[in-house]
């Protein structure tokens, strides 16, 4: 079984995000970039399937600038077999990404596609679902457990009322939740081996996909600074402040 894993290059979660002075976007100059944490979970799940003898090949793909090869090499060091970079310097929305992934999917013909449920930068939680709609593949979102049995994929997902288990026919798309697994660290020998693994670079034009966006970002602002809390001496004072200052009652 071939597994395709989509990953995204994002600002490292430990970095304090800064907005550009002209409010046109996020300042990425000299900022540490890493693989999206949910994507790390997706890679880990694919590697575990290979270790169980279920997956025969893991192909990892990302869409972004040439510098995103760093995150692909990280995925290769974690256990992926080969990588594909769809090189684009444009700011792509979720639909454009889904269309590009659909083109890669048509070329690779995997039996299972695994993505993180969302990216920590845009936080949209859209790409997996859009890819499922474009491809017609069965999909299971927010997976906290994945079991592959024959040509079926059992996905346990967390819902408001507890857990829900659905059975998907292959080919299928699964988006990962936090509790699916705990990603491993890449060992030094595997990091060295990853440098020799194949990494193909293609363009959206080569895939025949237009990435023109119908969405325009007008302004990006940092959230307002939260004010310090205060202590009140009585319930009457609390009610007075809620009514006259906070104006919530």
C-alpha atoms as a PDB file:
ATOM      1  CA  UNK A   1       0.000   0.000   0.000  1.00  0.00           C
ATOM      2  CA  UNK A   2       1.326   3.417  -0.987  1.00  0.00           C
ATOM      3  CA  UNK A   3       0.780   6.218   1.526  1.00  0.00           C
ATOM      4  CA  UNK A   4       0.907   9.890   0.546  1.00  0.00           C
ATOM      5  CA  UNK A   5       1.555  12.342   3.366  1.00  0.00           C
ATOM      6  CA  UNK A   6       1.078  16.095   2.886  1.00  0.00           C
ATOM      7  CA  UNK A   7       3.053  18.423   5.135  1.00  0.00           C
ATOM      8  CA  UNK A   8       3.340  22.198   5.533  1.00  0.00           C
ATOM      9  CA  UNK A   9       6.193  24.549   6.363  1.00  0.00           C
ATOM     10  CA  UNK A  10       5.125  26.937   9.136  1.00  0.00           C
ATOM     11  CA  UNK A  11       6.641  29.298  11.684  1.00  0.00           C
ATOM     12  CA  UNK A  12       7.974  27.193  14.552  1.00  0.00           C
ATOM     13  CA  UNK A  13       5.468  26.977  17.389  1.00  0.00           C
ATOM     14  CA  UNK A  14       8.029  28.326  19.875  1.00  0.00           C
ATOM     15  CA  UNK A  15       8.491  31.555  17.907  1.00  0.00           C
ATOM     16  CA  UNK A  16       6.594  34.702  18.847  1.00  0.00           C
ATOM     17  CA  UNK A  17       4.899  35.800  15.626  1.00  0.00           C
ATOM     18  CA  UNK A  18       5.438  39.405  14.519  1.00  0.00           C
ATOM     19  CA  UNK A  19       3.297  41.390  12.108  1.00  0.00           C
ATOM     20  CA  UNK A  20       4.971  43.490   9.399  1.00  0.00           C
ATOM     21  CA  UNK A  21       5.037  47.231   9.959  1.00  0.00           C
ATOM     22  CA  UNK A  22       2.731  47.830   6.978  1.00  0.00           C
ATOM     23  CA  UNK A  23       0.226  45.192   8.224  1.00  0.00           C
ATOM     24  CA  UNK A  24       0.537  43.284   4.946  1.00  0.00           C
ATOM     25  CA  UNK A  25       1.295  39.968   6.616  1.00  0.00           C
ATOM     26  CA  UNK A  26       3.472  38.093   9.087  1.00  0.00           C
ATOM     27  CA  UNK A  27       7.165  38.948   9.249  1.00  0.00           C
ATOM     28  CA  UNK A  28       9.124  35.818   8.251  1.00  0.00           C
ATOM     29  CA  UNK A  29      12.573  37.422   8.053  1.00  0.00           C
ATOM     30  CA  UNK A  30      15.125  35.431  10.107  1.00  0.00           C
ATOM     31  CA  UNK A  31      12.325  33.370  11.653  1.00  0.00           C
ATOM     32  CA  UNK A  32      12.768  29.688  12.435  1.00  0.00           C
ATOM     33  CA  UNK A  33      10.520  27.530  10.261  1.00  0.00           C
ATOM     34  CA  UNK A  34       9.479  23.959  11.042  1.00  0.00           C
ATOM     35  CA  UNK A  35       7.096  21.232   9.994  1.00  0.00           C
ATOM     36  CA  UNK A  36       3.527  21.846  11.140  1.00  0.00           C
ATOM     37  CA  UNK A  37       2.992  19.797  14.365  1.00  0.00           C
ATOM     38  CA  UNK A  38      -0.135  18.073  13.011  1.00  0.00           C
ATOM     39  CA  UNK A  39       1.864  17.115   9.906  1.00  0.00           C
ATOM     40  CA  UNK A  40       4.510  15.512  12.127  1.00  0.00           C
ATOM     41  CA  UNK A  41       1.743  13.313  13.524  1.00  0.00           C
ATOM     42  CA  UNK A  42       0.695  12.401   9.960  1.00  0.00           C
ATOM     43  CA  UNK A  43       4.268  11.396   9.053  1.00  0.00           C
ATOM     44  CA  UNK A  44       4.598   9.367  12.245  1.00  0.00           C
ATOM     45  CA  UNK A  45       1.373   7.480  11.526  1.00  0.00           C
ATOM     46  CA  UNK A  46       2.536   6.611   8.008  1.00  0.00           C
ATOM     47  CA  UNK A  47       5.897   5.382   9.342  1.00  0.00           C
ATOM     48  CA  UNK A  48       4.135   3.198  11.907  1.00  0.00           C
ATOM     49  CA  UNK A  49       2.017   1.665   9.156  1.00  0.00           C
ATOM     50  CA  UNK A  50       5.197   0.854   7.258  1.00  0.00           C
ATOM     51  CA  UNK A  51       6.808  -0.659  10.359  1.00  0.00           C
ATOM     52  CA  UNK A  52       3.748  -2.917  10.714  1.00  0.00           C
ATOM     53  CA  UNK A  53       4.238  -4.115   7.133  1.00  0.00           C
ATOM     54  CA  UNK A  54       1.012  -2.460   5.957  1.00  0.00           C
ATOM     55  CA  UNK A  55       2.518   0.409   3.953  1.00  0.00           C
ATOM     56  CA  UNK A  56       5.076  -0.414   1.277  1.00  0.00           C
ATOM     57  CA  UNK A  57       6.024   3.153   0.312  1.00  0.00           C
ATOM     58  CA  UNK A  58       5.654   6.575   1.908  1.00  0.00           C
ATOM     59  CA  UNK A  59       5.653   9.618  -0.340  1.00  0.00           C
ATOM     60  CA  UNK A  60       5.726  13.004   1.363  1.00  0.00           C
ATOM     61  CA  UNK A  61       4.655  16.167  -0.463  1.00  0.00           C
ATOM     62  CA  UNK A  62       4.628  19.854   0.365  1.00  0.00           C
ATOM     63  CA  UNK A  63       3.735  23.050  -1.463  1.00  0.00           C
ATOM     64  CA  UNK A  64       5.861  26.110  -0.897  1.00  0.00           C
ATOM     65  CA  UNK A  65       9.166  27.846  -1.628  1.00  0.00           C
ATOM     66  CA  UNK A  66      12.427  26.071  -2.387  1.00  0.00           C
ATOM     67  CA  UNK A  67      13.371  26.393   1.295  1.00  0.00           C
ATOM     68  CA  UNK A  68      10.580  23.908   2.122  1.00  0.00           C
ATOM     69  CA  UNK A  69      12.983  21.149   1.047  1.00  0.00           C
ATOM     70  CA  UNK A  70      14.269  21.349   4.622  1.00  0.00           C
ATOM     71  CA  UNK A  71      10.944  20.101   6.001  1.00  0.00           C
ATOM     72  CA  UNK A  72      10.780  17.393   3.328  1.00  0.00           C
ATOM     73  CA  UNK A  73      14.248  16.188   4.325  1.00  0.00           C
ATOM     74  CA  UNK A  74      13.040  16.078   7.927  1.00  0.00           C
ATOM     75  CA  UNK A  75      10.135  13.847   6.876  1.00  0.00           C
ATOM     76  CA  UNK A  76      12.549  11.647   4.917  1.00  0.00           C
ATOM     77  CA  UNK A  77      14.725  11.359   8.023  1.00  0.00           C
ATOM     78  CA  UNK A  78      11.677  10.276  10.018  1.00  0.00           C
ATOM     79  CA  UNK A  79      11.059   7.392   7.628  1.00  0.00           C
ATOM     80  CA  UNK A  80       9.461   8.569   4.374  1.00  0.00           C
ATOM     81  CA  UNK A  81      10.886   7.009   1.207  1.00  0.00           C
ATOM     82  CA  UNK A  82      10.775   9.908  -1.243  1.00  0.00           C
ATOM     83  CA  UNK A  83       9.524  13.469  -1.443  1.00  0.00           C
ATOM     84  CA  UNK A  84       7.823  15.851  -3.852  1.00  0.00           C
ATOM     85  CA  UNK A  85       8.047  19.641  -3.659  1.00  0.00           C
ATOM     86  CA  UNK A  86       5.475  21.653  -5.574  1.00  0.00           C
ATOM     87  CA  UNK A  87       7.484  24.851  -5.718  1.00  0.00           C
ATOM     88  CA  UNK A  88       5.526  28.071  -5.403  1.00  0.00           C
ATOM     89  CA  UNK A  89       6.374  31.376  -3.752  1.00  0.00           C
ATOM     90  CA  UNK A  90       2.754  32.540  -3.823  1.00  0.00           C
ATOM     91  CA  UNK A  91       0.486  32.790  -0.794  1.00  0.00           C
ATOM     92  CA  UNK A  92      -1.876  29.921  -1.533  1.00  0.00           C
ATOM     93  CA  UNK A  93      -5.292  29.446   0.037  1.00  0.00           C
ATOM     94  CA  UNK A  94      -6.650  26.060   1.082  1.00  0.00           C
ATOM     95  CA  UNK A  95      -8.496  25.461  -2.194  1.00  0.00           C
ATOM     96  CA  UNK A  96      -5.376  26.083  -4.302  1.00  0.00           C
ATOM     97  CA  UNK A  97      -3.408  23.713  -2.067  1.00  0.00           C
ATOM     98  CA  UNK A  98      -6.132  21.066  -2.368  1.00  0.00           C
ATOM     99  CA  UNK A  99      -6.100  21.362  -6.166  1.00  0.00           C
ATOM    100  CA  UNK A 100      -2.333  20.918  -6.268  1.00  0.00           C
ATOM    101  CA  UNK A 101      -2.520  17.938  -3.925  1.00  0.00           C
ATOM    102  CA  UNK A 102      -5.242  16.459  -6.143  1.00  0.00           C
ATOM    103  CA  UNK A 103      -2.860  16.689  -9.126  1.00  0.00           C
ATOM    104  CA  UNK A 104      -0.117  14.934  -7.143  1.00  0.00           C
ATOM    105  CA  UNK A 105      -2.629  12.354  -5.931  1.00  0.00           C
ATOM    106  CA  UNK A 106      -3.703  11.602  -9.512  1.00  0.00           C
ATOM    107  CA  UNK A 107      -0.071  11.053 -10.462  1.00  0.00           C
ATOM    108  CA  UNK A 108       0.934   8.938  -7.461  1.00  0.00           C
ATOM    109  CA  UNK A 109      -2.328   6.954  -7.038  1.00  0.00           C
ATOM    110  CA  UNK A 110      -1.895   6.220  -3.300  1.00  0.00           C
ATOM    111  CA  UNK A 111      -4.269   3.988  -1.368  1.00  0.00           C
ATOM    112  CA  UNK A 112      -4.107   6.224   1.701  1.00  0.00           C
ATOM    113  CA  UNK A 113      -3.568   9.973   2.087  1.00  0.00           C
ATOM    114  CA  UNK A 114      -2.725  11.375   5.528  1.00  0.00           C
ATOM    115  CA  UNK A 115      -2.741  15.073   6.422  1.00  0.00           C
ATOM    116  CA  UNK A 116      -2.657  17.093   9.596  1.00  0.00           C
ATOM    117  CA  UNK A 117      -6.152  18.309  10.457  1.00  0.00           C
ATOM    118  CA  UNK A 118      -4.999  21.946  10.339  1.00  0.00           C
ATOM    119  CA  UNK A 119      -1.920  24.157  10.171  1.00  0.00           C
ATOM    120  CA  UNK A 120      -0.930  26.335  13.106  1.00  0.00           C
ATOM    121  CA  UNK A 121      -0.468  29.416  10.894  1.00  0.00           C
ATOM    122  CA  UNK A 122      -3.702  29.774   8.911  1.00  0.00           C
ATOM    123  CA  UNK A 123      -5.601  27.432  11.285  1.00  0.00           C
ATOM    124  CA  UNK A 124      -8.245  26.798   8.614  1.00  0.00           C
ATOM    125  CA  UNK A 125      -8.913  23.039   8.898  1.00  0.00           C
ATOM    126  CA  UNK A 126     -10.032  22.944   5.245  1.00  0.00           C
ATOM    127  CA  UNK A 127      -7.459  21.283   2.999  1.00  0.00           C
ATOM    128  CA  UNK A 128      -8.200  17.648   3.864  1.00  0.00           C
ATOM    129  CA  UNK A 129     -11.923  18.065   3.385  1.00  0.00           C
ATOM    130  CA  UNK A 130     -11.477  19.970   0.119  1.00  0.00           C
ATOM    131  CA  UNK A 131      -9.115  17.296  -1.178  1.00  0.00           C
ATOM    132  CA  UNK A 132     -11.705  14.662  -0.331  1.00  0.00           C
ATOM    133  CA  UNK A 133     -14.379  16.586  -2.255  1.00  0.00           C
ATOM    134  CA  UNK A 134     -12.128  17.095  -5.304  1.00  0.00           C
ATOM    135  CA  UNK A 135     -10.871  13.515  -5.425  1.00  0.00           C
ATOM    136  CA  UNK A 136     -14.017  11.674  -4.397  1.00  0.00           C
ATOM    137  CA  UNK A 137     -11.999   9.685  -1.861  1.00  0.00           C
ATOM    138  CA  UNK A 138     -13.611   8.577   1.386  1.00  0.00           C
ATOM    139  CA  UNK A 139     -12.444  10.732   4.283  1.00  0.00           C
ATOM    140  CA  UNK A 140     -12.088  10.478   8.040  1.00  0.00           C
ATOM    141  CA  UNK A 141     -11.253  13.673   9.905  1.00  0.00           C
ATOM    142  CA  UNK A 142      -9.820  14.344  13.386  1.00  0.00           C
ATOM    143  CA  UNK A 143      -8.487  10.791  13.678  1.00  0.00           C
ATOM    144  CA  UNK A 144      -7.383   9.665  17.142  1.00  0.00           C
ATOM    145  CA  UNK A 145      -6.864   6.059  15.983  1.00  0.00           C
ATOM    146  CA  UNK A 146      -6.277   4.525  12.541  1.00  0.00           C
ATOM    147  CA  UNK A 147      -6.408   0.815  11.742  1.00  0.00           C
ATOM    148  CA  UNK A 148      -5.964  -0.637   8.257  1.00  0.00           C
ATOM    149  CA  UNK A 149      -7.599  -4.008   7.656  1.00  0.00           C
ATOM    150  CA  UNK A 150      -7.439  -5.338   4.114  1.00  0.00           C
ATOM    151  CA  UNK A 151      -8.930  -2.700   1.844  1.00  0.00           C
ATOM    152  CA  UNK A 152     -10.695  -0.941   4.737  1.00  0.00           C
ATOM    153  CA  UNK A 153      -9.483   1.894   6.960  1.00  0.00           C
ATOM    154  CA  UNK A 154     -11.066   2.134  10.417  1.00  0.00           C
ATOM    155  CA  UNK A 155     -10.874   5.663  11.780  1.00  0.00           C
ATOM    156  CA  UNK A 156     -11.783   6.535  15.357  1.00  0.00           C
ATOM    157  CA  UNK A 157     -12.540  10.227  15.728  1.00  0.00           C
ATOM    158  CA  UNK A 158     -13.340  12.380  18.714  1.00  0.00           C
ATOM    159  CA  UNK A 159     -16.735  14.068  18.695  1.00  0.00           C
ATOM    160  CA  UNK A 160     -18.676  16.055  21.286  1.00  0.00           C
ATOM    161  CA  UNK A 161     -20.484  12.986  22.585  1.00  0.00           C
ATOM    162  CA  UNK A 162     -17.422  10.732  22.821  1.00  0.00           C
ATOM    163  CA  UNK A 163     -15.798   8.594  20.127  1.00  0.00           C
ATOM    164  CA  UNK A 164     -17.063   7.702  16.673  1.00  0.00           C
ATOM    165  CA  UNK A 165     -15.587   4.917  14.541  1.00  0.00           C
ATOM    166  CA  UNK A 166     -16.124   4.970  10.793  1.00  0.00           C
ATOM    167  CA  UNK A 167     -15.030   2.489   8.141  1.00  0.00           C
ATOM    168  CA  UNK A 168     -13.560   3.883   4.920  1.00  0.00           C
ATOM    169  CA  UNK A 169     -13.031   2.106   1.628  1.00  0.00           C
ATOM    170  CA  UNK A 170      -9.619   2.600   0.060  1.00  0.00           C
ATOM    171  CA  UNK A 171      -8.468   4.904  -1.381  1.00  0.00           C
ATOM    172  CA  UNK A 172      -9.106   7.132   1.615  1.00  0.00           C
ATOM    173  CA  UNK A 173      -8.061  10.435   3.177  1.00  0.00           C
ATOM    174  CA  UNK A 174      -7.375  10.750   6.903  1.00  0.00           C
ATOM    175  CA  UNK A 175      -6.672  13.962   8.832  1.00  0.00           C
ATOM    176  CA  UNK A 176      -4.851  13.580  12.130  1.00  0.00           C
ATOM    177  CA  UNK A 177      -5.714  14.854  15.592  1.00  0.00           C
ATOM    178  CA  UNK A 178      -3.294  15.462  18.465  1.00  0.00           C
ATOM    179  CA  UNK A 179      -4.012  12.218  20.305  1.00  0.00           C
ATOM    180  CA  UNK A 180      -3.301   9.919  17.346  1.00  0.00           C
ATOM    181  CA  UNK A 181       0.355   9.388  18.272  1.00  0.00           C
ATOM    182  CA  UNK A 182       3.518  11.015  19.588  1.00  0.00           C
ATOM    183  CA  UNK A 183       6.006  11.813  16.795  1.00  0.00           C
ATOM    184  CA  UNK A 184       9.541  10.488  17.096  1.00  0.00           C
ATOM    185  CA  UNK A 185      12.785  12.404  16.747  1.00  0.00           C
ATOM    186  CA  UNK A 186      14.976  11.821  13.711  1.00  0.00           C
ATOM    187  CA  UNK A 187      18.266  10.085  14.533  1.00  0.00           C
ATOM    188  CA  UNK A 188      21.553  11.399  13.166  1.00  0.00           C
ATOM    189  CA  UNK A 189      22.134   8.341  10.912  1.00  0.00           C
ATOM    190  CA  UNK A 190      18.652   8.755   9.418  1.00  0.00           C
ATOM    191  CA  UNK A 191      19.247  12.479   8.883  1.00  0.00           C
ATOM    192  CA  UNK A 192      22.356  11.604   6.893  1.00  0.00           C
ATOM    193  CA  UNK A 193      20.503   8.928   4.908  1.00  0.00           C
ATOM    194  CA  UNK A 194      17.706  11.399   4.123  1.00  0.00           C
ATOM    195  CA  UNK A 195      20.142  13.523   2.106  1.00  0.00           C
ATOM    196  CA  UNK A 196      20.414  10.707  -0.439  1.00  0.00           C
ATOM    197  CA  UNK A 197      16.707   9.951  -0.743  1.00  0.00           C
ATOM    198  CA  UNK A 198      14.961  11.186  -3.922  1.00  0.00           C
ATOM    199  CA  UNK A 199      13.287  14.600  -3.842  1.00  0.00           C
ATOM    200  CA  UNK A 200      11.460  15.746  -6.964  1.00  0.00           C
ATOM    201  CA  UNK A 201      10.630  19.395  -7.639  1.00  0.00           C
ATOM    202  CA  UNK A 202       7.648  20.318  -9.833  1.00  0.00           C
ATOM    203  CA  UNK A 203       5.713  23.512 -10.486  1.00  0.00           C
ATOM    204  CA  UNK A 204       1.964  24.204 -10.463  1.00  0.00           C
ATOM    205  CA  UNK A 205       2.170  24.861 -14.223  1.00  0.00           C
ATOM    206  CA  UNK A 206       3.732  21.442 -14.777  1.00  0.00           C
ATOM    207  CA  UNK A 207       0.816  19.902 -12.890  1.00  0.00           C
ATOM    208  CA  UNK A 208      -1.646  21.909 -14.968  1.00  0.00           C
ATOM    209  CA  UNK A 209      -3.134  23.678 -11.953  1.00  0.00           C
ATOM    210  CA  UNK A 210      -3.987  27.360 -11.712  1.00  0.00           C
ATOM    211  CA  UNK A 211      -3.333  28.785  -8.258  1.00  0.00           C
ATOM    212  CA  UNK A 212      -5.002  32.150  -8.863  1.00  0.00           C
ATOM    213  CA  UNK A 213      -6.790  33.136  -5.669  1.00  0.00           C
ATOM    214  CA  UNK A 214     -10.190  34.776  -5.343  1.00  0.00           C
ATOM    215  CA  UNK A 215      -9.342  35.816  -1.797  1.00  0.00           C
ATOM    216  CA  UNK A 216      -7.291  38.931  -1.012  1.00  0.00           C
ATOM    217  CA  UNK A 217      -5.748  39.708   2.374  1.00  0.00           C
ATOM    218  CA  UNK A 218      -6.492  43.321   3.181  1.00  0.00           C
ATOM    219  CA  UNK A 219      -4.807  43.668   6.550  1.00  0.00           C
ATOM    220  CA  UNK A 220      -3.082  41.612   9.215  1.00  0.00           C
ATOM    221  CA  UNK A 221      -3.063  42.840  12.800  1.00  0.00           C
ATOM    222  CA  UNK A 222      -1.658  41.483  16.018  1.00  0.00           C
ATOM    223  CA  UNK A 223      -4.287  40.748  18.683  1.00  0.00           C
ATOM    224  CA  UNK A 224      -4.865  43.492  21.210  1.00  0.00           C
ATOM    225  CA  UNK A 225      -2.859  43.213  24.407  1.00  0.00           C
ATOM    226  CA  UNK A 226      -4.899  41.775  27.230  1.00  0.00           C
ATOM    227  CA  UNK A 227      -5.291  44.053  30.221  1.00  0.00           C
ATOM    228  CA  UNK A 228      -4.320  42.890  33.673  1.00  0.00           C
ATOM    229  CA  UNK A 229      -7.084  41.631  35.901  1.00  0.00           C
ATOM    230  CA  UNK A 230      -8.265  43.500  38.982  1.00  0.00           C
ATOM    231  CA  UNK A 231      -9.632  42.507  42.358  1.00  0.00           C
ATOM    232  CA  UNK A 232     -12.948  43.826  43.627  1.00  0.00           C
ATOM    233  CA  UNK A 233     -13.998  44.126  47.245  1.00  0.00           C
ATOM    234  CA  UNK A 234     -17.650  43.178  46.909  1.00  0.00           C
ATOM    235  CA  UNK A 235     -20.279  41.690  44.653  1.00  0.00           C
ATOM    236  CA  UNK A 236     -21.851  45.127  44.278  1.00  0.00           C
ATOM    237  CA  UNK A 237     -18.573  46.531  42.934  1.00  0.00           C
ATOM    238  CA  UNK A 238     -18.248  43.591  40.529  1.00  0.00           C
ATOM    239  CA  UNK A 239     -21.763  44.149  39.184  1.00  0.00           C
ATOM    240  CA  UNK A 240     -21.072  47.872  38.824  1.00  0.00           C
ATOM    241  CA  UNK A 241     -17.917  47.257  36.776  1.00  0.00           C
ATOM    242  CA  UNK A 242     -19.562  44.612  34.596  1.00  0.00           C
ATOM    243  CA  UNK A 243     -22.392  47.028  33.886  1.00  0.00           C
ATOM    244  CA  UNK A 244     -20.582  50.343  33.437  1.00  0.00           C
ATOM    245  CA  UNK A 245     -17.060  49.400  32.342  1.00  0.00           C
ATOM    246  CA  UNK A 246     -17.275  46.013  30.606  1.00  0.00           C
ATOM    247  CA  UNK A 247     -20.888  46.711  29.510  1.00  0.00           C
ATOM    248  CA  UNK A 248     -21.773  43.021  29.434  1.00  0.00           C
ATOM    249  CA  UNK A 249     -24.883  43.308  31.581  1.00  0.00           C
END
